[in-house]
Amino acid sequence: QVHLVEAGGGLVQPGGSLRLSCAASGRIGDNYRMGWYRQAPGKERAFVALVTGRGAPRYADHVKGRFTISRDNAQKPIHLHMNSLKPDDTGVYYCHFQRFPTGKSYWGQGTHVTVSS
């Protein structure tokens, strides 16, 4: 079992910045991915960014150049640095953990991000 605890989020004006954090505890192992998905109002949950167990980042096209996912070192919390935020970035951001090779997934409880003037 893996437990995810998220922090961050809130209300920010367009062009502003926010940082989300997610800490994982439990049976983490070495072969996994952690990242973020966003669920906009009335839409399905969609991939935002992830970092592999080896620290390699991957991004959705619509956040490339604006968001950065980071992790200090293995099994430490991950952070999503969101810059140049747009109203379309509004939604509930969910931390996601996926273990390999089983593919077993875990989700955080979600944190709200609202980009509005």
N, C-alpha and C. Protein backbone atom coordinates (compact mmCIF):
# COMPACT_ATOMS: atom_id res chain seq x y z
N GLN A 1 0.85 -1.19 0.00
CA GLN A 1 0.00 0.00 0.00
C GLN A 1 0.88 1.25 0.00
N VAL A 2 0.47 2.26 -0.73
CA VAL A 2 1.17 3.54 -0.80
C VAL A 2 0.19 4.64 -0.43
N HIS A 3 0.62 5.53 0.43
CA HIS A 3 -0.22 6.65 0.85
C HIS A 3 0.40 7.95 0.34
N LEU A 4 -0.42 8.79 -0.29
CA LEU A 4 0.05 10.04 -0.88
C LEU A 4 -0.56 11.22 -0.14
N VAL A 5 0.28 12.18 0.20
CA VAL A 5 -0.18 13.40 0.87
C VAL A 5 0.24 14.60 0.03
N GLU A 6 -0.74 15.38 -0.38
CA GLU A 6 -0.49 16.53 -1.23
C GLU A 6 -0.52 17.82 -0.42
N ALA A 7 0.18 18.82 -0.93
CA ALA A 7 0.17 20.15 -0.32
C ALA A 7 0.32 21.18 -1.42
N GLY A 8 -0.15 22.39 -1.13
CA GLY A 8 -0.07 23.47 -2.11
C GLY A 8 -1.42 23.73 -2.73
N GLY A 9 -1.42 24.45 -3.81
CA GLY A 9 -2.66 24.81 -4.47
C GLY A 9 -3.21 26.11 -3.91
N GLY A 10 -4.33 26.54 -4.46
CA GLY A 10 -4.96 27.77 -4.01
C GLY A 10 -5.40 28.62 -5.18
N LEU A 11 -5.60 29.89 -4.89
CA LEU A 11 -6.06 30.86 -5.88
C LEU A 11 -4.89 31.75 -6.31
N VAL A 12 -4.74 31.92 -7.61
CA VAL A 12 -3.65 32.74 -8.14
C VAL A 12 -4.15 33.48 -9.37
N GLN A 13 -3.60 34.64 -9.61
CA GLN A 13 -3.98 35.41 -10.79
C GLN A 13 -3.27 34.87 -12.03
N PRO A 14 -3.84 35.09 -13.20
CA PRO A 14 -3.17 34.67 -14.43
C PRO A 14 -1.76 35.26 -14.50
N GLY A 15 -0.82 34.40 -14.93
CA GLY A 15 0.59 34.79 -14.98
C GLY A 15 1.34 34.50 -13.71
N GLY A 16 0.63 34.13 -12.66
CA GLY A 16 1.26 33.84 -11.38
C GLY A 16 1.84 32.45 -11.31
N SER A 17 2.33 32.12 -10.11
CA SER A 17 2.99 30.84 -9.88
C SER A 17 2.46 30.16 -8.63
N LEU A 18 2.53 28.84 -8.63
CA LEU A 18 2.18 28.03 -7.47
C LEU A 18 3.11 26.82 -7.44
N ARG A 19 3.23 26.22 -6.27
CA ARG A 19 3.98 24.99 -6.15
C ARG A 19 3.13 23.95 -5.43
N LEU A 20 3.05 22.77 -6.03
CA LEU A 20 2.39 21.63 -5.42
C LEU A 20 3.44 20.64 -4.96
N SER A 21 3.16 19.97 -3.87
CA SER A 21 4.06 18.94 -3.36
C SER A 21 3.27 17.67 -3.08
N CYS A 22 3.96 16.54 -3.20
CA CYS A 22 3.33 15.25 -2.91
C CYS A 22 4.36 14.34 -2.27
N ALA A 23 4.02 13.83 -1.10
CA ALA A 23 4.89 12.91 -0.39
C ALA A 23 4.27 11.52 -0.38
N ALA A 24 5.08 10.52 -0.68
CA ALA A 24 4.61 9.13 -0.69
C ALA A 24 5.20 8.38 0.49
N SER A 25 4.39 7.52 1.08
CA SER A 25 4.87 6.66 2.16
C SER A 25 4.30 5.27 1.96
N GLY A 26 4.97 4.30 2.56
CA GLY A 26 4.54 2.91 2.42
C GLY A 26 5.52 2.13 1.56
N ARG A 27 4.98 1.15 0.81
CA ARG A 27 5.81 0.28 -0.02
C ARG A 27 6.12 0.97 -1.34
N ILE A 28 7.16 1.81 -1.35
CA ILE A 28 7.47 2.61 -2.54
C ILE A 28 8.32 1.82 -3.51
N GLY A 29 9.40 1.22 -3.06
CA GLY A 29 10.30 0.49 -3.94
C GLY A 29 11.15 1.43 -4.77
N ASP A 30 11.79 0.86 -5.80
CA ASP A 30 12.71 1.64 -6.64
C ASP A 30 12.17 1.87 -8.05
N ASN A 31 11.23 1.03 -8.50
CA ASN A 31 10.75 1.09 -9.88
C ASN A 31 9.34 1.66 -9.88
N TYR A 32 9.22 2.97 -10.07
CA TYR A 32 7.92 3.62 -9.99
C TYR A 32 7.96 4.96 -10.74
N ARG A 33 6.79 5.51 -10.90
CA ARG A 33 6.64 6.86 -11.40
C ARG A 33 5.71 7.62 -10.46
N MET A 34 5.99 8.91 -10.30
CA MET A 34 5.10 9.79 -9.53
C MET A 34 4.84 11.02 -10.35
N GLY A 35 3.65 11.52 -10.26
CA GLY A 35 3.35 12.71 -11.03
C GLY A 35 2.01 13.32 -10.67
N TRP A 36 1.51 14.14 -11.61
CA TRP A 36 0.29 14.90 -11.39
C TRP A 36 -0.65 14.79 -12.58
N TYR A 37 -1.92 14.72 -12.23
CA TYR A 37 -3.00 14.79 -13.20
C TYR A 37 -3.91 15.93 -12.80
N ARG A 38 -4.58 16.53 -13.76
CA ARG A 38 -5.52 17.61 -13.48
C ARG A 38 -6.91 17.21 -13.99
N GLN A 39 -7.90 17.51 -13.18
CA GLN A 39 -9.29 17.33 -13.59
C GLN A 39 -9.95 18.69 -13.60
N ALA A 40 -10.16 19.21 -14.80
CA ALA A 40 -10.83 20.50 -14.95
C ALA A 40 -12.33 20.30 -14.77
N PRO A 41 -13.04 21.36 -14.41
CA PRO A 41 -14.49 21.24 -14.22
C PRO A 41 -15.19 20.66 -15.44
N GLY A 42 -15.95 19.59 -15.24
CA GLY A 42 -16.69 18.98 -16.32
C GLY A 42 -15.88 18.15 -17.28
N LYS A 43 -14.61 17.91 -16.96
CA LYS A 43 -13.75 17.15 -17.86
C LYS A 43 -13.13 15.97 -17.14
N GLU A 44 -12.55 15.06 -17.92
CA GLU A 44 -11.89 13.90 -17.35
C GLU A 44 -10.50 14.28 -16.83
N ARG A 45 -10.00 13.44 -15.96
CA ARG A 45 -8.66 13.63 -15.42
C ARG A 45 -7.63 13.45 -16.52
N ALA A 46 -6.64 14.36 -16.58
CA ALA A 46 -5.67 14.33 -17.67
C ALA A 46 -4.25 14.49 -17.13
N PHE A 47 -3.32 13.87 -17.81
CA PHE A 47 -1.92 13.88 -17.42
C PHE A 47 -1.34 15.30 -17.49
N VAL A 48 -0.50 15.63 -16.49
CA VAL A 48 0.19 16.92 -16.46
C VAL A 48 1.71 16.71 -16.54
N ALA A 49 2.25 15.96 -15.58
CA ALA A 49 3.70 15.75 -15.54
C ALA A 49 3.99 14.57 -14.63
N LEU A 50 5.16 13.94 -14.85
CA LEU A 50 5.60 12.87 -13.97
C LEU A 50 7.12 12.85 -13.89
N VAL A 51 7.61 12.17 -12.88
CA VAL A 51 9.04 11.92 -12.74
C VAL A 51 9.20 10.44 -12.47
N THR A 52 10.15 9.82 -13.14
CA THR A 52 10.37 8.39 -12.95
C THR A 52 11.19 8.16 -11.68
N GLY A 53 11.32 6.91 -11.32
CA GLY A 53 12.12 6.55 -10.15
C GLY A 53 13.57 6.96 -10.29
N ARG A 54 14.03 7.11 -11.51
CA ARG A 54 15.41 7.54 -11.77
C ARG A 54 15.51 9.05 -11.93
N GLY A 55 14.39 9.76 -11.78
CA GLY A 55 14.43 11.20 -11.82
C GLY A 55 14.18 11.83 -13.17
N ALA A 56 13.78 11.04 -14.17
CA ALA A 56 13.54 11.59 -15.51
C ALA A 56 12.15 12.23 -15.56
N PRO A 57 12.04 13.49 -15.99
CA PRO A 57 10.73 14.15 -16.05
C PRO A 57 10.05 13.97 -17.41
N ARG A 58 8.73 14.00 -17.39
CA ARG A 58 7.94 14.00 -18.61
C ARG A 58 6.79 14.97 -18.41
N TYR A 59 6.38 15.66 -19.50
CA TYR A 59 5.37 16.69 -19.41
C TYR A 59 4.33 16.55 -20.51
N ALA A 60 3.12 16.98 -20.18
CA ALA A 60 2.10 17.14 -21.21
C ALA A 60 2.48 18.36 -22.04
N ASP A 61 2.10 18.35 -23.31
CA ASP A 61 2.52 19.42 -24.21
C ASP A 61 2.05 20.79 -23.72
N HIS A 62 0.88 20.87 -23.12
CA HIS A 62 0.33 22.18 -22.77
C HIS A 62 0.98 22.81 -21.54
N VAL A 63 1.89 22.09 -20.88
CA VAL A 63 2.59 22.68 -19.74
C VAL A 63 4.09 22.80 -19.96
N LYS A 64 4.59 22.26 -21.08
CA LYS A 64 6.02 22.33 -21.35
C LYS A 64 6.48 23.79 -21.39
N GLY A 65 7.59 24.06 -20.72
CA GLY A 65 8.12 25.41 -20.67
C GLY A 65 7.53 26.25 -19.55
N ARG A 66 6.45 25.78 -18.93
CA ARG A 66 5.82 26.55 -17.85
C ARG A 66 5.89 25.82 -16.51
N PHE A 67 5.75 24.51 -16.55
CA PHE A 67 5.77 23.70 -15.34
C PHE A 67 7.07 22.92 -15.25
N THR A 68 7.54 22.72 -14.03
CA THR A 68 8.72 21.90 -13.78
C THR A 68 8.42 20.95 -12.64
N ILE A 69 8.68 19.66 -12.88
CA ILE A 69 8.51 18.67 -11.81
C ILE A 69 9.89 18.32 -11.29
N SER A 70 10.00 18.22 -9.99
CA SER A 70 11.31 17.96 -9.40
C SER A 70 11.18 17.05 -8.19
N ARG A 71 12.32 16.48 -7.84
CA ARG A 71 12.40 15.63 -6.66
C ARG A 71 13.83 15.75 -6.15
N ASP A 72 14.01 16.00 -4.86
CA ASP A 72 15.34 16.22 -4.33
C ASP A 72 16.20 14.98 -4.48
N ASN A 73 15.66 13.86 -4.10
CA ASN A 73 16.34 12.57 -4.31
C ASN A 73 15.31 11.47 -4.14
N ALA A 74 15.72 10.24 -4.35
CA ALA A 74 14.79 9.12 -4.37
C ALA A 74 13.98 9.06 -3.08
N GLN A 75 12.70 8.77 -3.24
CA GLN A 75 11.75 8.59 -2.14
C GLN A 75 11.56 9.84 -1.30
N LYS A 76 11.86 11.00 -1.90
CA LYS A 76 11.54 12.26 -1.27
C LYS A 76 10.31 12.83 -1.95
N PRO A 77 9.67 13.83 -1.32
CA PRO A 77 8.49 14.42 -1.97
C PRO A 77 8.82 14.98 -3.36
N ILE A 78 7.83 14.93 -4.22
CA ILE A 78 7.99 15.57 -5.51
C ILE A 78 7.30 16.92 -5.47
N HIS A 79 7.75 17.82 -6.33
CA HIS A 79 7.19 19.17 -6.39
C HIS A 79 6.84 19.51 -7.83
N LEU A 80 5.73 20.19 -7.99
CA LEU A 80 5.35 20.69 -9.30
C LEU A 80 5.37 22.21 -9.23
N HIS A 81 6.33 22.80 -9.90
CA HIS A 81 6.45 24.25 -9.93
C HIS A 81 5.69 24.74 -11.16
N MET A 82 4.64 25.50 -10.92
CA MET A 82 3.78 25.96 -12.01
C MET A 82 3.95 27.45 -12.19
N ASN A 83 4.45 27.85 -13.34
CA ASN A 83 4.67 29.26 -13.66
C ASN A 83 3.79 29.68 -14.83
N SER A 84 3.66 30.97 -15.00
CA SER A 84 2.86 31.53 -16.11
C SER A 84 1.49 30.86 -16.18
N LEU A 85 0.85 30.77 -15.05
CA LEU A 85 -0.43 30.06 -14.98
C LEU A 85 -1.51 30.76 -15.79
N LYS A 86 -2.37 29.93 -16.38
CA LYS A 86 -3.46 30.41 -17.21
C LYS A 86 -4.79 29.95 -16.60
N PRO A 87 -5.88 30.63 -16.93
CA PRO A 87 -7.19 30.16 -16.44
C PRO A 87 -7.46 28.70 -16.82
N ASP A 88 -6.96 28.24 -17.96
CA ASP A 88 -7.16 26.85 -18.37
C ASP A 88 -6.43 25.85 -17.47
N ASP A 89 -5.53 26.32 -16.64
CA ASP A 89 -4.84 25.43 -15.70
C ASP A 89 -5.68 25.14 -14.46
N THR A 90 -6.81 25.79 -14.36
CA THR A 90 -7.70 25.59 -13.21
C THR A 90 -8.21 24.16 -13.15
N GLY A 91 -8.26 23.62 -11.95
CA GLY A 91 -8.79 22.28 -11.75
C GLY A 91 -8.33 21.68 -10.45
N VAL A 92 -8.69 20.43 -10.26
CA VAL A 92 -8.21 19.68 -9.10
C VAL A 92 -7.00 18.87 -9.56
N TYR A 93 -5.89 19.05 -8.86
CA TYR A 93 -4.66 18.37 -9.21
C TYR A 93 -4.48 17.17 -8.28
N TYR A 94 -4.31 16.02 -8.91
CA TYR A 94 -4.17 14.77 -8.17
C TYR A 94 -2.76 14.22 -8.31
N CYS A 95 -2.17 13.88 -7.19
CA CYS A 95 -0.89 13.19 -7.21
C CYS A 95 -1.13 11.72 -7.56
N HIS A 96 -0.26 11.17 -8.36
CA HIS A 96 -0.40 9.80 -8.84
C HIS A 96 0.90 9.04 -8.64
N PHE A 97 0.79 7.82 -8.16
CA PHE A 97 1.94 6.93 -7.98
C PHE A 97 1.64 5.63 -8.70
N GLN A 98 2.60 5.17 -9.49
CA GLN A 98 2.42 3.90 -10.19
C GLN A 98 3.66 3.04 -10.03
N ARG A 99 3.45 1.84 -9.54
CA ARG A 99 4.55 0.92 -9.29
C ARG A 99 4.71 -0.02 -10.48
N PHE A 100 5.96 -0.32 -10.80
CA PHE A 100 6.26 -1.26 -11.87
C PHE A 100 7.00 -2.46 -11.30
N PRO A 101 6.86 -3.67 -11.91
CA PRO A 101 6.18 -3.96 -13.17
C PRO A 101 4.68 -4.23 -13.04
N THR A 102 4.14 -4.18 -11.83
CA THR A 102 2.73 -4.54 -11.68
C THR A 102 1.78 -3.52 -12.30
N GLY A 103 2.21 -2.24 -12.34
CA GLY A 103 1.32 -1.21 -12.84
C GLY A 103 0.31 -0.71 -11.82
N LYS A 104 0.39 -1.18 -10.61
CA LYS A 104 -0.55 -0.78 -9.56
C LYS A 104 -0.47 0.73 -9.34
N SER A 105 -1.63 1.39 -9.28
CA SER A 105 -1.71 2.84 -9.14
C SER A 105 -2.34 3.26 -7.83
N TYR A 106 -1.90 4.42 -7.35
CA TYR A 106 -2.49 5.04 -6.17
C TYR A 106 -2.69 6.53 -6.48
N TRP A 107 -3.72 7.11 -5.82
CA TRP A 107 -4.04 8.52 -6.04
C TRP A 107 -4.09 9.26 -4.72
N GLY A 108 -3.70 10.55 -4.78
CA GLY A 108 -3.89 11.42 -3.65
C GLY A 108 -5.33 11.92 -3.60
N GLN A 109 -5.61 12.74 -2.60
CA GLN A 109 -6.99 13.20 -2.40
C GLN A 109 -7.33 14.39 -3.30
N GLY A 110 -6.33 15.00 -3.91
CA GLY A 110 -6.56 16.12 -4.80
C GLY A 110 -6.41 17.46 -4.09
N THR A 111 -5.90 18.44 -4.83
CA THR A 111 -5.78 19.80 -4.30
C THR A 111 -6.24 20.77 -5.38
N HIS A 112 -6.98 21.80 -4.97
CA HIS A 112 -7.59 22.70 -5.92
C HIS A 112 -6.63 23.82 -6.33
N VAL A 113 -6.60 24.08 -7.62
CA VAL A 113 -5.87 25.21 -8.18
C VAL A 113 -6.85 26.04 -9.00
N THR A 114 -6.95 27.31 -8.65
CA THR A 114 -7.84 28.22 -9.38
C THR A 114 -7.02 29.39 -9.90
N VAL A 115 -7.04 29.57 -11.21
CA VAL A 115 -6.33 30.68 -11.84
C VAL A 115 -7.38 31.66 -12.35
N SER A 116 -7.48 32.79 -11.68
CA SER A 116 -8.54 33.74 -12.01
C SER A 116 -8.14 35.13 -11.53
N SER A 117 -8.59 36.12 -12.26
CA SER A 117 -8.35 37.50 -11.84
C SER A 117 -9.54 38.01 -11.03
